[in-house]
Amino acid sequence: MRLLSIVGDRIKRLRERMGITQLEFSNRVGINNSVISRIEAGKRPVEDDELRTFVSFFETNSDFLLGLSDDPSPTEKRTSGGRAFLGGPDAYTEEELEIAELAAQAAIEAWRKSKANKNNKS
């Protein structure tokens, strides 16, 4: 079975399991119905942002949708409040995560300023 067919078939089966029409699915994920139809029919590849949308909507994983795994279970994420971190979910307090997030934001802003200064000098 071709990759396009696998992806389309899995999306279609998940949608049908939820008991929603293609049009309702299209409206819920914000992707044009004709695009959904072509994807499900195996006539159009799934773009990266669409894949992320489908993974999120169906609460599955990209490997399953792409036919690389037969396990539709979501990939376990190591996050807290939507923030990624190392060491498992109990490794840091909420306050430590907030501090780390602020530090990361400050580091990114400093990097952007440095990059902008370098570009202006060129």
N, C-alpha and C. Protein backbone atom coordinates (compact mmCIF):
# COMPACT_ATOMS: atom_id res chain seq x y z
N MET A 1 0.85 -1.18 0.00
CA MET A 1 0.00 0.00 0.00
C MET A 1 0.90 1.24 0.00
N ARG A 2 0.59 2.19 -0.85
CA ARG A 2 1.38 3.42 -0.94
C ARG A 2 1.20 4.28 0.31
N LEU A 3 2.20 5.11 0.59
CA LEU A 3 2.16 5.97 1.77
C LEU A 3 0.93 6.88 1.76
N LEU A 4 0.62 7.48 0.61
CA LEU A 4 -0.54 8.37 0.55
C LEU A 4 -1.81 7.62 0.92
N SER A 5 -1.92 6.37 0.45
CA SER A 5 -3.10 5.57 0.76
C SER A 5 -3.17 5.22 2.23
N ILE A 6 -2.02 4.90 2.82
CA ILE A 6 -1.99 4.55 4.24
C ILE A 6 -2.44 5.74 5.08
N VAL A 7 -1.85 6.90 4.83
CA VAL A 7 -2.20 8.10 5.59
C VAL A 7 -3.68 8.42 5.43
N GLY A 8 -4.14 8.45 4.21
CA GLY A 8 -5.54 8.77 3.96
C GLY A 8 -6.49 7.79 4.61
N ASP A 9 -6.17 6.50 4.50
CA ASP A 9 -7.02 5.47 5.08
C ASP A 9 -7.09 5.59 6.61
N ARG A 10 -5.95 5.86 7.23
CA ARG A 10 -5.94 5.98 8.69
C ARG A 10 -6.71 7.21 9.17
N ILE A 11 -6.58 8.30 8.45
CA ILE A 11 -7.33 9.51 8.81
C ILE A 11 -8.82 9.23 8.66
N LYS A 12 -9.19 8.60 7.56
CA LYS A 12 -10.60 8.30 7.32
C LYS A 12 -11.16 7.38 8.40
N ARG A 13 -10.42 6.32 8.75
CA ARG A 13 -10.90 5.39 9.78
C ARG A 13 -11.05 6.08 11.13
N LEU A 14 -10.11 6.93 11.49
CA LEU A 14 -10.21 7.64 12.77
C LEU A 14 -11.42 8.59 12.76
N ARG A 15 -11.60 9.27 11.66
CA ARG A 15 -12.75 10.18 11.54
C ARG A 15 -14.06 9.42 11.67
N GLU A 16 -14.15 8.30 10.95
CA GLU A 16 -15.38 7.51 10.99
C GLU A 16 -15.64 6.92 12.37
N ARG A 17 -14.58 6.52 13.07
CA ARG A 17 -14.74 6.03 14.45
C ARG A 17 -15.34 7.09 15.36
N MET A 18 -15.02 8.35 15.06
CA MET A 18 -15.57 9.45 15.86
C MET A 18 -17.02 9.75 15.44
N GLY A 19 -17.45 9.16 14.35
CA GLY A 19 -18.82 9.36 13.89
C GLY A 19 -19.08 10.73 13.30
N ILE A 20 -18.05 11.30 12.67
CA ILE A 20 -18.24 12.63 12.07
C ILE A 20 -18.06 12.55 10.56
N THR A 21 -18.79 13.39 9.87
CA THR A 21 -18.69 13.43 8.42
C THR A 21 -17.40 14.14 8.00
N GLN A 22 -17.06 13.97 6.74
CA GLN A 22 -15.90 14.65 6.21
C GLN A 22 -16.05 16.17 6.31
N LEU A 23 -17.26 16.65 6.04
CA LEU A 23 -17.52 18.09 6.11
C LEU A 23 -17.39 18.60 7.54
N GLU A 24 -17.93 17.87 8.49
CA GLU A 24 -17.81 18.28 9.90
C GLU A 24 -16.35 18.27 10.34
N PHE A 25 -15.63 17.22 9.94
CA PHE A 25 -14.20 17.13 10.25
C PHE A 25 -13.46 18.32 9.67
N SER A 26 -13.76 18.63 8.42
CA SER A 26 -13.13 19.76 7.74
C SER A 26 -13.35 21.06 8.52
N ASN A 27 -14.57 21.28 8.93
CA ASN A 27 -14.89 22.49 9.69
C ASN A 27 -14.19 22.52 11.04
N ARG A 28 -14.10 21.38 11.68
CA ARG A 28 -13.50 21.33 13.03
C ARG A 28 -11.99 21.53 13.01
N VAL A 29 -11.33 21.05 11.94
CA VAL A 29 -9.87 21.21 11.87
C VAL A 29 -9.44 22.41 11.05
N GLY A 30 -10.39 23.06 10.37
CA GLY A 30 -10.06 24.26 9.61
C GLY A 30 -9.31 23.99 8.32
N ILE A 31 -9.55 22.83 7.72
CA ILE A 31 -8.92 22.48 6.45
C ILE A 31 -10.04 22.26 5.44
N ASN A 32 -9.88 22.81 4.24
CA ASN A 32 -10.90 22.74 3.21
C ASN A 32 -11.34 21.30 2.98
N ASN A 33 -12.66 21.12 2.81
CA ASN A 33 -13.23 19.78 2.63
C ASN A 33 -12.64 19.06 1.42
N SER A 34 -12.38 19.79 0.33
CA SER A 34 -11.81 19.13 -0.86
C SER A 34 -10.40 18.61 -0.56
N VAL A 35 -9.66 19.31 0.28
CA VAL A 35 -8.32 18.86 0.67
C VAL A 35 -8.45 17.57 1.49
N ILE A 36 -9.37 17.57 2.46
CA ILE A 36 -9.60 16.37 3.27
C ILE A 36 -9.99 15.19 2.37
N SER A 37 -10.87 15.44 1.43
CA SER A 37 -11.33 14.39 0.52
C SER A 37 -10.17 13.80 -0.27
N ARG A 38 -9.31 14.65 -0.80
CA ARG A 38 -8.16 14.16 -1.58
C ARG A 38 -7.16 13.42 -0.70
N ILE A 39 -6.96 13.89 0.53
CA ILE A 39 -6.04 13.21 1.44
C ILE A 39 -6.59 11.81 1.76
N GLU A 40 -7.87 11.75 2.13
CA GLU A 40 -8.46 10.46 2.47
C GLU A 40 -8.46 9.49 1.29
N ALA A 41 -8.58 10.01 0.08
CA ALA A 41 -8.58 9.18 -1.12
C ALA A 41 -7.16 8.78 -1.55
N GLY A 42 -6.15 9.31 -0.86
CA GLY A 42 -4.77 8.98 -1.21
C GLY A 42 -4.28 9.70 -2.44
N LYS A 43 -4.92 10.82 -2.77
CA LYS A 43 -4.55 11.57 -3.97
C LYS A 43 -3.73 12.82 -3.67
N ARG A 44 -3.54 13.10 -2.40
CA ARG A 44 -2.79 14.31 -2.02
C ARG A 44 -2.01 14.03 -0.76
N PRO A 45 -0.72 14.42 -0.72
CA PRO A 45 0.06 14.21 0.51
C PRO A 45 -0.39 15.16 1.62
N VAL A 46 -0.11 14.77 2.83
CA VAL A 46 -0.41 15.60 3.99
C VAL A 46 0.79 16.49 4.25
N GLU A 47 0.54 17.79 4.39
CA GLU A 47 1.62 18.73 4.70
C GLU A 47 1.92 18.66 6.20
N ASP A 48 3.09 19.14 6.58
CA ASP A 48 3.53 19.06 7.97
C ASP A 48 2.53 19.66 8.94
N ASP A 49 2.04 20.87 8.64
CA ASP A 49 1.11 21.52 9.57
C ASP A 49 -0.21 20.76 9.64
N GLU A 50 -0.62 20.15 8.54
CA GLU A 50 -1.84 19.34 8.55
C GLU A 50 -1.65 18.09 9.40
N LEU A 51 -0.47 17.48 9.27
CA LEU A 51 -0.17 16.29 10.08
C LEU A 51 -0.26 16.61 11.56
N ARG A 52 0.31 17.74 11.96
CA ARG A 52 0.24 18.15 13.37
C ARG A 52 -1.21 18.37 13.79
N THR A 53 -2.00 18.97 12.91
CA THR A 53 -3.42 19.19 13.20
C THR A 53 -4.14 17.87 13.40
N PHE A 54 -3.90 16.90 12.52
CA PHE A 54 -4.57 15.60 12.62
C PHE A 54 -4.14 14.85 13.87
N VAL A 55 -2.84 14.87 14.17
CA VAL A 55 -2.33 14.21 15.37
C VAL A 55 -3.01 14.78 16.61
N SER A 56 -3.10 16.09 16.67
CA SER A 56 -3.73 16.75 17.82
C SER A 56 -5.23 16.44 17.88
N PHE A 57 -5.91 16.55 16.75
CA PHE A 57 -7.35 16.34 16.72
C PHE A 57 -7.72 14.92 17.14
N PHE A 58 -7.00 13.93 16.59
CA PHE A 58 -7.32 12.53 16.88
C PHE A 58 -6.63 12.00 18.14
N GLU A 59 -5.78 12.83 18.75
CA GLU A 59 -5.03 12.43 19.94
C GLU A 59 -4.30 11.12 19.67
N THR A 60 -3.52 11.12 18.59
CA THR A 60 -2.77 9.95 18.18
C THR A 60 -1.31 10.36 18.02
N ASN A 61 -0.56 9.68 17.19
CA ASN A 61 0.83 10.06 16.96
C ASN A 61 1.11 10.01 15.46
N SER A 62 2.10 10.76 15.04
CA SER A 62 2.41 10.86 13.61
C SER A 62 2.89 9.53 13.04
N ASP A 63 3.61 8.75 13.82
CA ASP A 63 4.07 7.45 13.30
C ASP A 63 2.89 6.58 12.90
N PHE A 64 1.82 6.60 13.68
CA PHE A 64 0.63 5.82 13.33
C PHE A 64 0.02 6.34 12.03
N LEU A 65 -0.18 7.65 11.94
CA LEU A 65 -0.79 8.21 10.73
C LEU A 65 0.05 7.94 9.49
N LEU A 66 1.36 7.94 9.64
CA LEU A 66 2.26 7.73 8.50
C LEU A 66 2.49 6.26 8.19
N GLY A 67 1.89 5.36 8.99
CA GLY A 67 2.04 3.93 8.74
C GLY A 67 3.34 3.35 9.26
N LEU A 68 4.05 4.08 10.10
CA LEU A 68 5.32 3.59 10.66
C LEU A 68 5.10 2.77 11.92
N SER A 69 3.89 2.83 12.46
CA SER A 69 3.52 2.10 13.67
C SER A 69 2.05 1.72 13.57
N ASP A 70 1.70 0.63 14.19
CA ASP A 70 0.30 0.24 14.24
C ASP A 70 -0.33 0.62 15.58
N ASP A 71 0.41 1.32 16.41
CA ASP A 71 -0.09 1.77 17.70
C ASP A 71 -0.58 3.21 17.59
N PRO A 72 -1.90 3.43 17.69
CA PRO A 72 -2.44 4.79 17.57
C PRO A 72 -2.35 5.61 18.84
N SER A 73 -1.79 5.04 19.91
CA SER A 73 -1.71 5.77 21.18
C SER A 73 -0.87 7.02 21.01
N PRO A 74 -1.27 8.11 21.69
CA PRO A 74 -0.47 9.34 21.61
C PRO A 74 0.93 9.09 22.16
N THR A 75 1.89 9.77 21.57
CA THR A 75 3.25 9.72 22.08
C THR A 75 3.25 10.44 23.41
N GLU A 76 3.79 9.80 24.44
CA GLU A 76 3.81 10.42 25.76
C GLU A 76 4.75 11.61 25.73
N LYS A 77 4.25 12.75 26.18
CA LYS A 77 5.05 13.96 26.19
C LYS A 77 5.50 14.25 27.62
N ARG A 78 6.70 14.73 27.71
CA ARG A 78 7.19 15.16 29.01
C ARG A 78 6.98 16.65 29.11
N THR A 79 5.78 17.04 29.49
CA THR A 79 5.47 18.45 29.59
C THR A 79 4.72 18.75 30.87
N SER A 80 4.71 20.01 31.21
CA SER A 80 3.90 20.49 32.32
C SER A 80 3.35 21.82 31.88
N GLY A 81 2.03 21.94 31.84
CA GLY A 81 1.43 23.19 31.40
C GLY A 81 1.82 23.54 29.98
N GLY A 82 2.08 22.53 29.14
CA GLY A 82 2.43 22.80 27.75
C GLY A 82 3.91 23.11 27.56
N ARG A 83 4.71 23.06 28.62
CA ARG A 83 6.13 23.37 28.50
C ARG A 83 6.94 22.08 28.57
N ALA A 84 7.87 21.94 27.66
CA ALA A 84 8.72 20.76 27.64
C ALA A 84 9.81 20.90 28.70
N PHE A 85 10.20 19.76 29.29
CA PHE A 85 11.28 19.78 30.26
C PHE A 85 11.90 18.39 30.34
N LEU A 86 13.08 18.31 30.91
CA LEU A 86 13.78 17.05 31.07
C LEU A 86 13.61 16.54 32.48
N GLY A 87 13.69 15.24 32.64
CA GLY A 87 13.70 14.66 33.97
C GLY A 87 12.36 14.14 34.45
N GLY A 88 11.35 14.13 33.63
CA GLY A 88 10.05 13.61 34.04
C GLY A 88 9.17 14.68 34.64
N PRO A 89 7.88 14.38 34.78
CA PRO A 89 6.92 15.38 35.19
C PRO A 89 7.08 15.89 36.62
N ASP A 90 7.77 15.15 37.46
CA ASP A 90 7.91 15.58 38.85
C ASP A 90 9.30 16.14 39.17
N ALA A 91 10.10 16.38 38.15
CA ALA A 91 11.47 16.83 38.36
C ALA A 91 11.56 18.28 38.81
N TYR A 92 10.55 19.10 38.48
CA TYR A 92 10.62 20.52 38.78
C TYR A 92 9.30 20.99 39.39
N THR A 93 9.41 22.03 40.23
CA THR A 93 8.20 22.64 40.77
C THR A 93 7.63 23.59 39.72
N GLU A 94 6.40 24.00 39.91
CA GLU A 94 5.77 24.95 39.00
C GLU A 94 6.56 26.26 38.97
N GLU A 95 7.05 26.69 40.13
CA GLU A 95 7.84 27.93 40.20
C GLU A 95 9.13 27.79 39.40
N GLU A 96 9.80 26.63 39.50
CA GLU A 96 11.03 26.42 38.74
C GLU A 96 10.76 26.43 37.24
N LEU A 97 9.64 25.84 36.83
CA LEU A 97 9.29 25.85 35.42
C LEU A 97 9.02 27.27 34.92
N GLU A 98 8.37 28.08 35.73
CA GLU A 98 8.10 29.47 35.35
C GLU A 98 9.40 30.24 35.19
N ILE A 99 10.34 30.04 36.10
CA ILE A 99 11.64 30.71 36.03
C ILE A 99 12.39 30.26 34.77
N ALA A 100 12.37 28.98 34.49
CA ALA A 100 13.04 28.46 33.30
C ALA A 100 12.43 29.05 32.03
N GLU A 101 11.12 29.17 32.01
CA GLU A 101 10.45 29.73 30.85
C GLU A 101 10.84 31.19 30.65
N LEU A 102 10.90 31.97 31.73
CA LEU A 102 11.30 33.37 31.64
C LEU A 102 12.75 33.49 31.17
N ALA A 103 13.61 32.61 31.69
CA ALA A 103 15.02 32.63 31.28
C ALA A 103 15.16 32.29 29.80
N ALA A 104 14.38 31.32 29.34
CA ALA A 104 14.44 30.94 27.93
C ALA A 104 13.97 32.10 27.05
N GLN A 105 12.90 32.77 27.46
CA GLN A 105 12.41 33.91 26.69
C GLN A 105 13.46 35.01 26.62
N ALA A 106 14.11 35.30 27.74
CA ALA A 106 15.15 36.33 27.76
C ALA A 106 16.32 35.94 26.87
N ALA A 107 16.70 34.67 26.90
CA ALA A 107 17.81 34.20 26.06
C ALA A 107 17.47 34.34 24.58
N ILE A 108 16.24 34.01 24.21
CA ILE A 108 15.82 34.12 22.82
C ILE A 108 15.83 35.57 22.37
N GLU A 109 15.33 36.46 23.20
CA GLU A 109 15.33 37.89 22.86
C GLU A 109 16.75 38.41 22.69
N ALA A 110 17.66 38.00 23.57
CA ALA A 110 19.06 38.43 23.47
C ALA A 110 19.67 37.90 22.17
N TRP A 111 19.38 36.67 21.83
CA TRP A 111 19.89 36.09 20.60
C TRP A 111 19.35 36.84 19.39
N ARG A 112 18.05 37.16 19.40
CA ARG A 112 17.46 37.90 18.27
C ARG A 112 18.11 39.27 18.10
N LYS A 113 18.37 39.98 19.21
CA LYS A 113 19.02 41.29 19.14
C LYS A 113 20.43 41.16 18.58
N SER A 114 21.15 40.15 19.05
CA SER A 114 22.51 39.92 18.57
C SER A 114 22.50 39.63 17.07
N LYS A 115 21.58 38.80 16.64
CA LYS A 115 21.48 38.46 15.22
C LYS A 115 21.12 39.68 14.40
N ALA A 116 20.19 40.50 14.90
CA ALA A 116 19.79 41.72 14.19
C ALA A 116 20.96 42.67 14.08
N ASN A 117 21.75 42.81 15.14
CA ASN A 117 22.93 43.69 15.12
C ASN A 117 23.95 43.20 14.09
N LYS A 118 24.16 41.90 14.01
CA LYS A 118 25.10 41.34 13.04
C LYS A 118 24.61 41.58 11.63
N ASN A 119 23.30 41.42 11.41
CA ASN A 119 22.74 41.64 10.07
C ASN A 119 22.82 43.10 9.65
N ASN A 120 22.66 44.01 10.60
CA ASN A 120 22.73 45.45 10.30
C ASN A 120 24.15 45.87 9.96
N LYS A 121 25.15 45.20 10.51
CA LYS A 121 26.54 45.53 10.25
C LYS A 121 27.03 44.99 8.91
N SER A 122 26.31 44.01 8.38
CA SER A 122 26.73 43.37 7.11
C SER A 122 26.44 44.22 5.92
